[in-house]
Amino acid sequence: MKTLTNIFIGRSGCGKGTQIEQLTQSVESDDWKRVFHLEAGDRFRNFIKGESYSSQLTKEISEDGGLQPEFLSIWAWGGELAKGFKKISIFLLMEHLAD
């Protein structure tokens, strides 16, 4: 079994999620293929809803349209990988470009 990695990068609303959904449905129709879809955006959005000091600082940066510290992306990706990654045949990564 060959492993395949796809990375979808683009602005919000450009269709990354739709493309990933369609690709996932297509490849999972084969019983042997499993997909791991990494989208750290939900983890990040939940983080800025929190009440911690770090969450509030991050929310302020987001509301001001600023660039978040790189370690937050690493934290979000790392957490999702640690939580859900298993031996897979297809790995899909979705990353949002800043507007």
PDB file of N, CA and C in Angstrom:
ATOM      1  N   MET A   1       0.846  -1.170   0.000  1.00  0.00           N
ATOM      2  CA  MET A   1       0.000   0.000   0.000  1.00  0.00           C
ATOM      3  C   MET A   1       0.896   1.239   0.000  1.00  0.00           C
ATOM      4  N   LYS A   2       0.633   2.145  -0.912  1.00  0.00           N
ATOM      5  CA  LYS A   2       1.407   3.366  -1.032  1.00  0.00           C
ATOM      6  C   LYS A   2       0.722   4.489  -0.263  1.00  0.00           C
ATOM      7  N   THR A   3       1.495   5.247   0.497  1.00  0.00           N
ATOM      8  CA  THR A   3       0.958   6.381   1.238  1.00  0.00           C
ATOM      9  C   THR A   3       0.937   7.604   0.332  1.00  0.00           C
ATOM     10  N   LEU A   4      -0.118   8.389   0.435  1.00  0.00           N
ATOM     11  CA  LEU A   4      -0.280   9.590  -0.367  1.00  0.00           C
ATOM     12  C   LEU A   4      -0.564  10.755   0.564  1.00  0.00           C
ATOM     13  N   THR A   5       0.136  11.865   0.346  1.00  0.00           N
ATOM     14  CA  THR A   5      -0.100  13.066   1.131  1.00  0.00           C
ATOM     15  C   THR A   5      -0.521  14.185   0.193  1.00  0.00           C
ATOM     16  N   ASN A   6      -1.606  14.863   0.534  1.00  0.00           N
ATOM     17  CA  ASN A   6      -2.084  16.016  -0.229  1.00  0.00           C
ATOM     18  C   ASN A   6      -2.174  17.198   0.718  1.00  0.00           C
ATOM     19  N   ILE A   7      -1.734  18.363   0.244  1.00  0.00           N
ATOM     20  CA  ILE A   7      -1.813  19.586   1.033  1.00  0.00           C
ATOM     21  C   ILE A   7      -2.649  20.592   0.255  1.00  0.00           C
ATOM     22  N   PHE A   8      -3.706  21.096   0.877  1.00  0.00           N
ATOM     23  CA  PHE A   8      -4.596  22.077   0.267  1.00  0.00           C
ATOM     24  C   PHE A   8      -4.353  23.418   0.959  1.00  0.00           C
ATOM     25  N   ILE A   9      -3.929  24.406   0.190  1.00  0.00           N
ATOM     26  CA  ILE A   9      -3.618  25.718   0.750  1.00  0.00           C
ATOM     27  C   ILE A   9      -4.406  26.767  -0.015  1.00  0.00           C
ATOM     28  N   GLY A  10      -4.999  27.708   0.705  1.00  0.00           N
ATOM     29  CA  GLY A  10      -5.710  28.793   0.042  1.00  0.00           C
ATOM     30  C   GLY A  10      -6.459  29.658   1.030  1.00  0.00           C
ATOM     31  N   ARG A  11      -7.048  30.684   0.529  1.00  0.00           N
ATOM     32  CA  ARG A  11      -7.823  31.617   1.358  1.00  0.00           C
ATOM     33  C   ARG A  11      -9.120  30.973   1.821  1.00  0.00           C
ATOM     34  N   SER A  12      -9.704  31.539   2.861  1.00  0.00           N
ATOM     35  CA  SER A  12     -11.004  31.074   3.342  1.00  0.00           C
ATOM     36  C   SER A  12     -12.026  31.170   2.220  1.00  0.00           C
ATOM     37  N   GLY A  13     -12.832  30.128   2.104  1.00  0.00           N
ATOM     38  CA  GLY A  13     -13.917  30.133   1.133  1.00  0.00           C
ATOM     39  C   GLY A  13     -13.521  29.791  -0.287  1.00  0.00           C
ATOM     40  N   CYS A  14     -12.277  29.379  -0.514  1.00  0.00           N
ATOM     41  CA  CYS A  14     -11.846  29.100  -1.889  1.00  0.00           C
ATOM     42  C   CYS A  14     -12.173  27.676  -2.341  1.00  0.00           C
ATOM     43  N   GLY A  15     -12.698  26.835  -1.427  1.00  0.00           N
ATOM     44  CA  GLY A  15     -13.107  25.496  -1.827  1.00  0.00           C
ATOM     45  C   GLY A  15     -12.230  24.359  -1.333  1.00  0.00           C
ATOM     46  N   LYS A  16     -11.271  24.652  -0.453  1.00  0.00           N
ATOM     47  CA  LYS A  16     -10.391  23.593   0.070  1.00  0.00           C
ATOM     48  C   LYS A  16     -11.198  22.506   0.755  1.00  0.00           C
ATOM     49  N   GLY A  17     -12.108  22.892   1.621  1.00  0.00           N
ATOM     50  CA  GLY A  17     -12.908  21.927   2.358  1.00  0.00           C
ATOM     51  C   GLY A  17     -13.784  21.082   1.447  1.00  0.00           C
ATOM     52  N   THR A  18     -14.349  21.701   0.438  1.00  0.00           N
ATOM     53  CA  THR A  18     -15.183  20.974  -0.526  1.00  0.00           C
ATOM     54  C   THR A  18     -14.346  19.962  -1.294  1.00  0.00           C
ATOM     55  N   GLN A  19     -13.163  20.373  -1.735  1.00  0.00           N
ATOM     56  CA  GLN A  19     -12.283  19.459  -2.466  1.00  0.00           C
ATOM     57  C   GLN A  19     -11.860  18.288  -1.592  1.00  0.00           C
ATOM     58  N   ILE A  20     -11.532  18.570  -0.334  1.00  0.00           N
ATOM     59  CA  ILE A  20     -11.129  17.505   0.583  1.00  0.00           C
ATOM     60  C   ILE A  20     -12.288  16.546   0.835  1.00  0.00           C
ATOM     61  N   GLU A  21     -13.479  17.083   1.019  1.00  0.00           N
ATOM     62  CA  GLU A  21     -14.651  16.240   1.250  1.00  0.00           C
ATOM     63  C   GLU A  21     -14.899  15.305   0.063  1.00  0.00           C
ATOM     64  N   GLN A  22     -14.811  15.846  -1.139  1.00  0.00           N
ATOM     65  CA  GLN A  22     -15.036  15.025  -2.330  1.00  0.00           C
ATOM     66  C   GLN A  22     -13.931  13.985  -2.507  1.00  0.00           C
ATOM     67  N   LEU A  23     -12.693  14.369  -2.273  1.00  0.00           N
ATOM     68  CA  LEU A  23     -11.585  13.429  -2.385  1.00  0.00           C
ATOM     69  C   LEU A  23     -11.699  12.324  -1.342  1.00  0.00           C
ATOM     70  N   THR A  24     -12.068  12.692  -0.124  1.00  0.00           N
ATOM     71  CA  THR A  24     -12.228  11.705   0.945  1.00  0.00           C
ATOM     72  C   THR A  24     -13.313  10.700   0.591  1.00  0.00           C
ATOM     73  N   GLN A  25     -14.458  11.169   0.121  1.00  0.00           N
ATOM     74  CA  GLN A  25     -15.541  10.265  -0.270  1.00  0.00           C
ATOM     75  C   GLN A  25     -15.097   9.326  -1.376  1.00  0.00           C
ATOM     76  N   SER A  26     -14.328   9.842  -2.307  1.00  0.00           N
ATOM     77  CA  SER A  26     -13.879   9.041  -3.437  1.00  0.00           C
ATOM     78  C   SER A  26     -12.910   7.940  -3.008  1.00  0.00           C
ATOM     79  N   VAL A  27     -11.903   8.297  -2.226  1.00  0.00           N
ATOM     80  CA  VAL A  27     -10.886   7.297  -1.876  1.00  0.00           C
ATOM     81  C   VAL A  27     -11.349   6.344  -0.790  1.00  0.00           C
ATOM     82  N   GLU A  28     -12.251   6.781   0.095  1.00  0.00           N
ATOM     83  CA  GLU A  28     -12.727   5.880   1.138  1.00  0.00           C
ATOM     84  C   GLU A  28     -13.744   4.878   0.603  1.00  0.00           C
ATOM     85  N   SER A  29     -14.157   5.052  -0.646  1.00  0.00           N
ATOM     86  CA  SER A  29     -15.056   4.057  -1.230  1.00  0.00           C
ATOM     87  C   SER A  29     -14.309   2.747  -1.471  1.00  0.00           C
ATOM     88  N   ASP A  30     -12.982   2.813  -1.556  1.00  0.00           N
ATOM     89  CA  ASP A  30     -12.154   1.607  -1.597  1.00  0.00           C
ATOM     90  C   ASP A  30     -11.898   1.191  -0.154  1.00  0.00           C
ATOM     91  N   ASP A  31     -12.259  -0.027   0.219  1.00  0.00           N
ATOM     92  CA  ASP A  31     -12.187  -0.470   1.607  1.00  0.00           C
ATOM     93  C   ASP A  31     -10.791  -0.350   2.223  1.00  0.00           C
ATOM     94  N   TRP A  32      -9.747  -0.497   1.453  1.00  0.00           N
ATOM     95  CA  TRP A  32      -8.409  -0.519   2.023  1.00  0.00           C
ATOM     96  C   TRP A  32      -7.835   0.873   2.259  1.00  0.00           C
ATOM     97  N   LYS A  33      -8.467   1.874   1.704  1.00  0.00           N
ATOM     98  CA  LYS A  33      -7.925   3.232   1.837  1.00  0.00           C
ATOM     99  C   LYS A  33      -8.569   3.955   2.999  1.00  0.00           C
ATOM    100  N   ARG A  34      -7.738   4.511   3.859  1.00  0.00           N
ATOM    101  CA  ARG A  34      -8.209   5.330   4.965  1.00  0.00           C
ATOM    102  C   ARG A  34      -7.616   6.721   4.824  1.00  0.00           C
ATOM    103  N   VAL A  35      -8.358   7.708   5.252  1.00  0.00           N
ATOM    104  CA  VAL A  35      -7.934   9.099   5.119  1.00  0.00           C
ATOM    105  C   VAL A  35      -7.785   9.711   6.503  1.00  0.00           C
ATOM    106  N   PHE A  36      -6.691  10.429   6.711  1.00  0.00           N
ATOM    107  CA  PHE A  36      -6.537  11.261   7.902  1.00  0.00           C
ATOM    108  C   PHE A  36      -6.535  12.699   7.416  1.00  0.00           C
ATOM    109  N   HIS A  37      -7.533  13.464   7.826  1.00  0.00           N
ATOM    110  CA  HIS A  37      -7.699  14.851   7.402  1.00  0.00           C
ATOM    111  C   HIS A  37      -7.310  15.753   8.563  1.00  0.00           C
ATOM    112  N   LEU A  38      -6.267  16.531   8.364  1.00  0.00           N
ATOM    113  CA  LEU A  38      -5.798  17.454   9.390  1.00  0.00           C
ATOM    114  C   LEU A  38      -6.215  18.865   9.017  1.00  0.00           C
ATOM    115  N   GLU A  39      -7.078  19.435   9.821  1.00  0.00           N
ATOM    116  CA  GLU A  39      -7.488  20.830   9.672  1.00  0.00           C
ATOM    117  C   GLU A  39      -7.432  21.439  11.063  1.00  0.00           C
ATOM    118  N   ALA A  40      -6.390  22.186  11.310  1.00  0.00           N
ATOM    119  CA  ALA A  40      -6.158  22.734  12.640  1.00  0.00           C
ATOM    120  C   ALA A  40      -7.027  23.950  12.938  1.00  0.00           C
ATOM    121  N   GLY A  41      -7.760  24.445  11.961  1.00  0.00           N
ATOM    122  CA  GLY A  41      -8.567  25.651  12.149  1.00  0.00           C
ATOM    123  C   GLY A  41      -9.593  25.532  13.255  1.00  0.00           C
ATOM    124  N   ASP A  42     -10.272  24.373  13.346  1.00  0.00           N
ATOM    125  CA  ASP A  42     -11.272  24.201  14.405  1.00  0.00           C
ATOM    126  C   ASP A  42     -10.627  24.247  15.779  1.00  0.00           C
ATOM    127  N   ARG A  43      -9.478  23.613  15.907  1.00  0.00           N
ATOM    128  CA  ARG A  43      -8.756  23.620  17.188  1.00  0.00           C
ATOM    129  C   ARG A  43      -8.385  25.059  17.567  1.00  0.00           C
ATOM    130  N   PHE A  44      -7.924  25.811  16.582  1.00  0.00           N
ATOM    131  CA  PHE A  44      -7.547  27.197  16.825  1.00  0.00           C
ATOM    132  C   PHE A  44      -8.767  28.046  17.187  1.00  0.00           C
ATOM    133  N   ARG A  45      -9.868  27.890  16.438  1.00  0.00           N
ATOM    134  CA  ARG A  45     -11.074  28.683  16.725  1.00  0.00           C
ATOM    135  C   ARG A  45     -11.619  28.377  18.122  1.00  0.00           C
ATOM    136  N   ASN A  46     -11.561  27.130  18.532  1.00  0.00           N
ATOM    137  CA  ASN A  46     -11.999  26.781  19.888  1.00  0.00           C
ATOM    138  C   ASN A  46     -11.083  27.385  20.939  1.00  0.00           C
ATOM    139  N   PHE A  47      -9.791  27.446  20.630  1.00  0.00           N
ATOM    140  CA  PHE A  47      -8.825  28.024  21.563  1.00  0.00           C
ATOM    141  C   PHE A  47      -9.129  29.500  21.819  1.00  0.00           C
ATOM    142  N   ILE A  48      -9.418  30.269  20.756  1.00  0.00           N
ATOM    143  CA  ILE A  48      -9.637  31.703  20.975  1.00  0.00           C
ATOM    144  C   ILE A  48     -10.980  31.991  21.647  1.00  0.00           C
ATOM    145  N   LYS A  49     -11.842  31.008  21.743  1.00  0.00           N
ATOM    146  CA  LYS A  49     -13.095  31.176  22.491  1.00  0.00           C
ATOM    147  C   LYS A  49     -12.875  30.998  23.989  1.00  0.00           C
ATOM    148  N   GLY A  50     -11.714  30.484  24.355  1.00  0.00           N
ATOM    149  CA  GLY A  50     -11.432  30.210  25.759  1.00  0.00           C
ATOM    150  C   GLY A  50     -11.262  31.471  26.579  1.00  0.00           C
ATOM    151  N   GLU A  51     -11.164  31.287  27.883  1.00  0.00           N
ATOM    152  CA  GLU A  51     -11.061  32.420  28.794  1.00  0.00           C
ATOM    153  C   GLU A  51      -9.656  32.623  29.353  1.00  0.00           C
ATOM    154  N   SER A  52      -8.710  31.801  28.914  1.00  0.00           N
ATOM    155  CA  SER A  52      -7.342  31.955  29.423  1.00  0.00           C
ATOM    156  C   SER A  52      -6.720  33.244  28.880  1.00  0.00           C
ATOM    157  N   TYR A  53      -5.674  33.683  29.529  1.00  0.00           N
ATOM    158  CA  TYR A  53      -4.960  34.887  29.099  1.00  0.00           C
ATOM    159  C   TYR A  53      -4.434  34.712  27.678  1.00  0.00           C
ATOM    160  N   SER A  54      -3.859  33.546  27.393  1.00  0.00           N
ATOM    161  CA  SER A  54      -3.327  33.271  26.051  1.00  0.00           C
ATOM    162  C   SER A  54      -4.429  33.292  25.003  1.00  0.00           C
ATOM    163  N   SER A  55      -5.578  32.734  25.343  1.00  0.00           N
ATOM    164  CA  SER A  55      -6.710  32.736  24.414  1.00  0.00           C
ATOM    165  C   SER A  55      -7.159  34.160  24.111  1.00  0.00           C
ATOM    166  N   GLN A  56      -7.209  34.989  25.122  1.00  0.00           N
ATOM    167  CA  GLN A  56      -7.656  36.371  24.927  1.00  0.00           C
ATOM    168  C   GLN A  56      -6.655  37.168  24.088  1.00  0.00           C
ATOM    169  N   LEU A  57      -5.350  36.964  24.317  1.00  0.00           N
ATOM    170  CA  LEU A  57      -4.342  37.643  23.501  1.00  0.00           C
ATOM    171  C   LEU A  57      -4.455  37.220  22.037  1.00  0.00           C
ATOM    172  N   THR A  58      -4.645  35.925  21.839  1.00  0.00           N
ATOM    173  CA  THR A  58      -4.770  35.390  20.492  1.00  0.00           C
ATOM    174  C   THR A  58      -6.018  35.936  19.803  1.00  0.00           C
ATOM    175  N   LYS A  59      -7.101  36.046  20.555  1.00  0.00           N
ATOM    176  CA  LYS A  59      -8.344  36.601  20.003  1.00  0.00           C
ATOM    177  C   LYS A  59      -8.146  38.055  19.588  1.00  0.00           C
ATOM    178  N   GLU A  60      -7.446  38.826  20.405  1.00  0.00           N
ATOM    179  CA  GLU A  60      -7.190  40.232  20.068  1.00  0.00           C
ATOM    180  C   GLU A  60      -6.374  40.355  18.784  1.00  0.00           C
ATOM    181  N   ILE A  61      -5.354  39.525  18.638  1.00  0.00           N
ATOM    182  CA  ILE A  61      -4.536  39.542  17.418  1.00  0.00           C
ATOM    183  C   ILE A  61      -5.405  39.205  16.213  1.00  0.00           C
ATOM    184  N   SER A  62      -6.252  38.191  16.385  1.00  0.00           N
ATOM    185  CA  SER A  62      -7.130  37.759  15.297  1.00  0.00           C
ATOM    186  C   SER A  62      -8.108  38.864  14.901  1.00  0.00           C
ATOM    187  N   GLU A  63      -8.716  39.504  15.876  1.00  0.00           N
ATOM    188  CA  GLU A  63      -9.687  40.574  15.602  1.00  0.00           C
ATOM    189  C   GLU A  63      -9.032  41.790  14.949  1.00  0.00           C
ATOM    190  N   ASP A  64      -7.747  42.029  15.274  1.00  0.00           N
ATOM    191  CA  ASP A  64      -7.025  43.152  14.686  1.00  0.00           C
ATOM    192  C   ASP A  64      -6.449  42.808  13.310  1.00  0.00           C
ATOM    193  N   GLY A  65      -6.620  41.542  12.889  1.00  0.00           N
ATOM    194  CA  GLY A  65      -6.107  41.116  11.585  1.00  0.00           C
ATOM    195  C   GLY A  65      -4.620  40.864  11.580  1.00  0.00           C
ATOM    196  N   GLY A  66      -4.043  40.688  12.771  1.00  0.00           N
ATOM    197  CA  GLY A  66      -2.613  40.471  12.870  1.00  0.00           C
ATOM    198  C   GLY A  66      -2.201  39.030  12.595  1.00  0.00           C
ATOM    199  N   LEU A  67      -0.913  38.832  12.491  1.00  0.00           N
ATOM    200  CA  LEU A  67      -0.340  37.518  12.258  1.00  0.00           C
ATOM    201  C   LEU A  67      -0.092  36.822  13.602  1.00  0.00           C
ATOM    202  N   GLN A  68      -0.607  35.623  13.734  1.00  0.00           N
ATOM    203  CA  GLN A  68      -0.447  34.868  14.971  1.00  0.00           C
ATOM    204  C   GLN A  68       0.983  34.331  15.081  1.00  0.00           C
ATOM    205  N   PRO A  69       1.455  34.108  16.301  1.00  0.00           N
ATOM    206  CA  PRO A  69       2.779  33.504  16.470  1.00  0.00           C
ATOM    207  C   PRO A  69       2.819  32.102  15.848  1.00  0.00           C
ATOM    208  N   GLU A  70       3.946  31.756  15.246  1.00  0.00           N
ATOM    209  CA  GLU A  70       4.080  30.462  14.576  1.00  0.00           C
ATOM    210  C   GLU A  70       3.835  29.285  15.505  1.00  0.00           C
ATOM    211  N   PHE A  71       4.179  29.423  16.780  1.00  0.00           N
ATOM    212  CA  PHE A  71       4.026  28.292  17.682  1.00  0.00           C
ATOM    213  C   PHE A  71       2.569  27.852  17.825  1.00  0.00           C
ATOM    214  N   LEU A  72       1.608  28.749  17.562  1.00  0.00           N
ATOM    215  CA  LEU A  72       0.206  28.352  17.648  1.00  0.00           C
ATOM    216  C   LEU A  72      -0.172  27.371  16.543  1.00  0.00           C
ATOM    217  N   SER A  73       0.364  27.574  15.347  1.00  0.00           N
ATOM    218  CA  SER A  73       0.124  26.600  14.267  1.00  0.00           C
ATOM    219  C   SER A  73       0.748  25.261  14.614  1.00  0.00           C
ATOM    220  N   ILE A  74       1.948  25.293  15.138  1.00  0.00           N
ATOM    221  CA  ILE A  74       2.628  24.054  15.530  1.00  0.00           C
ATOM    222  C   ILE A  74       1.829  23.351  16.622  1.00  0.00           C
ATOM    223  N   TRP A  75       1.329  24.106  17.594  1.00  0.00           N
ATOM    224  CA  TRP A  75       0.513  23.537  18.674  1.00  0.00           C
ATOM    225  C   TRP A  75      -0.760  22.903  18.115  1.00  0.00           C
ATOM    226  N   ALA A  76      -1.437  23.623  17.206  1.00  0.00           N
ATOM    227  CA  ALA A  76      -2.686  23.117  16.647  1.00  0.00           C
ATOM    228  C   ALA A  76      -2.443  21.871  15.801  1.00  0.00           C
ATOM    229  N   TRP A  77      -1.454  21.905  14.917  1.00  0.00           N
ATOM    230  CA  TRP A  77      -1.148  20.737  14.086  1.00  0.00           C
ATOM    231  C   TRP A  77      -0.688  19.568  14.929  1.00  0.00           C
ATOM    232  N   GLY A  78       0.231  19.854  15.853  1.00  0.00           N
ATOM    233  CA  GLY A  78       0.763  18.780  16.700  1.00  0.00           C
ATOM    234  C   GLY A  78      -0.314  18.105  17.524  1.00  0.00           C
ATOM    235  N   GLY A  79      -1.225  18.898  18.075  1.00  0.00           N
ATOM    236  CA  GLY A  79      -2.308  18.333  18.873  1.00  0.00           C
ATOM    237  C   GLY A  79      -3.228  17.447  18.051  1.00  0.00           C
ATOM    238  N   GLU A  80      -3.556  17.897  16.833  1.00  0.00           N
ATOM    239  CA  GLU A  80      -4.419  17.098  15.967  1.00  0.00           C
ATOM    240  C   GLU A  80      -3.723  15.819  15.516  1.00  0.00           C
ATOM    241  N   LEU A  81      -2.427  15.916  15.194  1.00  0.00           N
ATOM    242  CA  LEU A  81      -1.681  14.713  14.812  1.00  0.00           C
ATOM    243  C   LEU A  81      -1.598  13.723  15.961  1.00  0.00           C
ATOM    244  N   ALA A  82      -1.297  14.210  17.155  1.00  0.00           N
ATOM    245  CA  ALA A  82      -1.188  13.329  18.312  1.00  0.00           C
ATOM    246  C   ALA A  82      -2.514  12.668  18.640  1.00  0.00           C
ATOM    247  N   LYS A  83      -3.605  13.381  18.440  1.00  0.00           N
ATOM    248  CA  LYS A  83      -4.934  12.872  18.778  1.00  0.00           C
ATOM    249  C   LYS A  83      -5.449  11.861  17.758  1.00  0.00           C
ATOM    250  N   GLY A  84      -5.237  12.100  16.475  1.00  0.00           N
ATOM    251  CA  GLY A  84      -5.946  11.303  15.490  1.00  0.00           C
ATOM    252  C   GLY A  84      -5.137  10.498  14.504  1.00  0.00           C
ATOM    253  N   PHE A  85      -3.814  10.662  14.492  1.00  0.00           N
ATOM    254  CA  PHE A  85      -3.009  10.003  13.470  1.00  0.00           C
ATOM    255  C   PHE A  85      -2.850   8.514  13.749  1.00  0.00           C
ATOM    256  N   LYS A  86      -3.146   7.725  12.728  1.00  0.00           N
ATOM    257  CA  LYS A  86      -2.963   6.279  12.790  1.00  0.00           C
ATOM    258  C   LYS A  86      -2.258   5.869  11.510  1.00  0.00           C
ATOM    259  N   LYS A  87      -1.920   4.608  11.391  1.00  0.00           N
ATOM    260  CA  LYS A  87      -1.338   4.150  10.143  1.00  0.00           C
ATOM    261  C   LYS A  87      -2.401   4.340   9.063  1.00  0.00           C
ATOM    262  N   ILE A  88      -2.046   5.103   8.057  1.00  0.00           N
ATOM    263  CA  ILE A  88      -3.028   5.485   7.047  1.00  0.00           C
ATOM    264  C   ILE A  88      -2.462   5.295   5.654  1.00  0.00           C
ATOM    265  N   SER A  89      -3.313   5.437   4.670  1.00  0.00           N
ATOM    266  CA  SER A  89      -2.843   5.398   3.301  1.00  0.00           C
ATOM    267  C   SER A  89      -2.895   6.775   2.644  1.00  0.00           C
ATOM    268  N   ILE A  90      -3.740   7.668   3.157  1.00  0.00           N
ATOM    269  CA  ILE A  90      -3.850   9.010   2.587  1.00  0.00           C
ATOM    270  C   ILE A  90      -3.906  10.035   3.713  1.00  0.00           C
ATOM    271  N   PHE A  91      -3.099  11.072   3.599  1.00  0.00           N
ATOM    272  CA  PHE A  91      -3.014  12.137   4.585  1.00  0.00           C
ATOM    273  C   PHE A  91      -3.369  13.440   3.888  1.00  0.00           C
ATOM    274  N   LEU A  92      -4.398  14.134   4.382  1.00  0.00           N
ATOM    275  CA  LEU A  92      -4.831  15.404   3.806  1.00  0.00           C
ATOM    276  C   LEU A  92      -4.608  16.516   4.820  1.00  0.00           C
ATOM    277  N   LEU A  93      -3.941  17.570   4.391  1.00  0.00           N
ATOM    278  CA  LEU A  93      -3.658  18.710   5.252  1.00  0.00           C
ATOM    279  C   LEU A  93      -4.267  19.945   4.616  1.00  0.00           C
ATOM    280  N   MET A  94      -5.014  20.691   5.421  1.00  0.00           N
ATOM    281  CA  MET A  94      -5.622  21.926   4.915  1.00  0.00           C
ATOM    282  C   MET A  94      -5.071  23.091   5.707  1.00  0.00           C
ATOM    283  N   GLU A  95      -4.555  24.087   5.004  1.00  0.00           N
ATOM    284  CA  GLU A  95      -3.986  25.260   5.640  1.00  0.00           C
ATOM    285  C   GLU A  95      -4.597  26.507   5.030  1.00  0.00           C
ATOM    286  N   HIS A  96      -4.970  27.427   5.873  1.00  0.00           N
ATOM    287  CA  HIS A  96      -5.585  28.686   5.468  1.00  0.00           C
ATOM    288  C   HIS A  96      -4.498  29.729   5.273  1.00  0.00           C
ATOM    289  N   LEU A  97      -4.533  30.416   4.154  1.00  0.00           N
ATOM    290  CA  LEU A  97      -3.636  31.543   3.931  1.00  0.00           C
ATOM    291  C   LEU A  97      -4.238  32.789   4.533  1.00  0.00           C
ATOM    292  N   ALA A  98      -3.407  33.609   5.118  1.00  0.00           N
ATOM    293  CA  ALA A  98      -3.898  34.862   5.690  1.00  0.00           C
ATOM    294  C   ALA A  98      -4.414  35.753   4.573  1.00  0.00           C
ATOM    295  N   ASP A  99      -5.484  36.455   4.866  1.00  0.00           N
ATOM    296  CA  ASP A  99      -6.061  37.374   3.863  1.00  0.00           C
ATOM    297  C   ASP A  99      -5.216  38.603   3.715  1.00  0.00           C
TER     298      ASP A  99
END
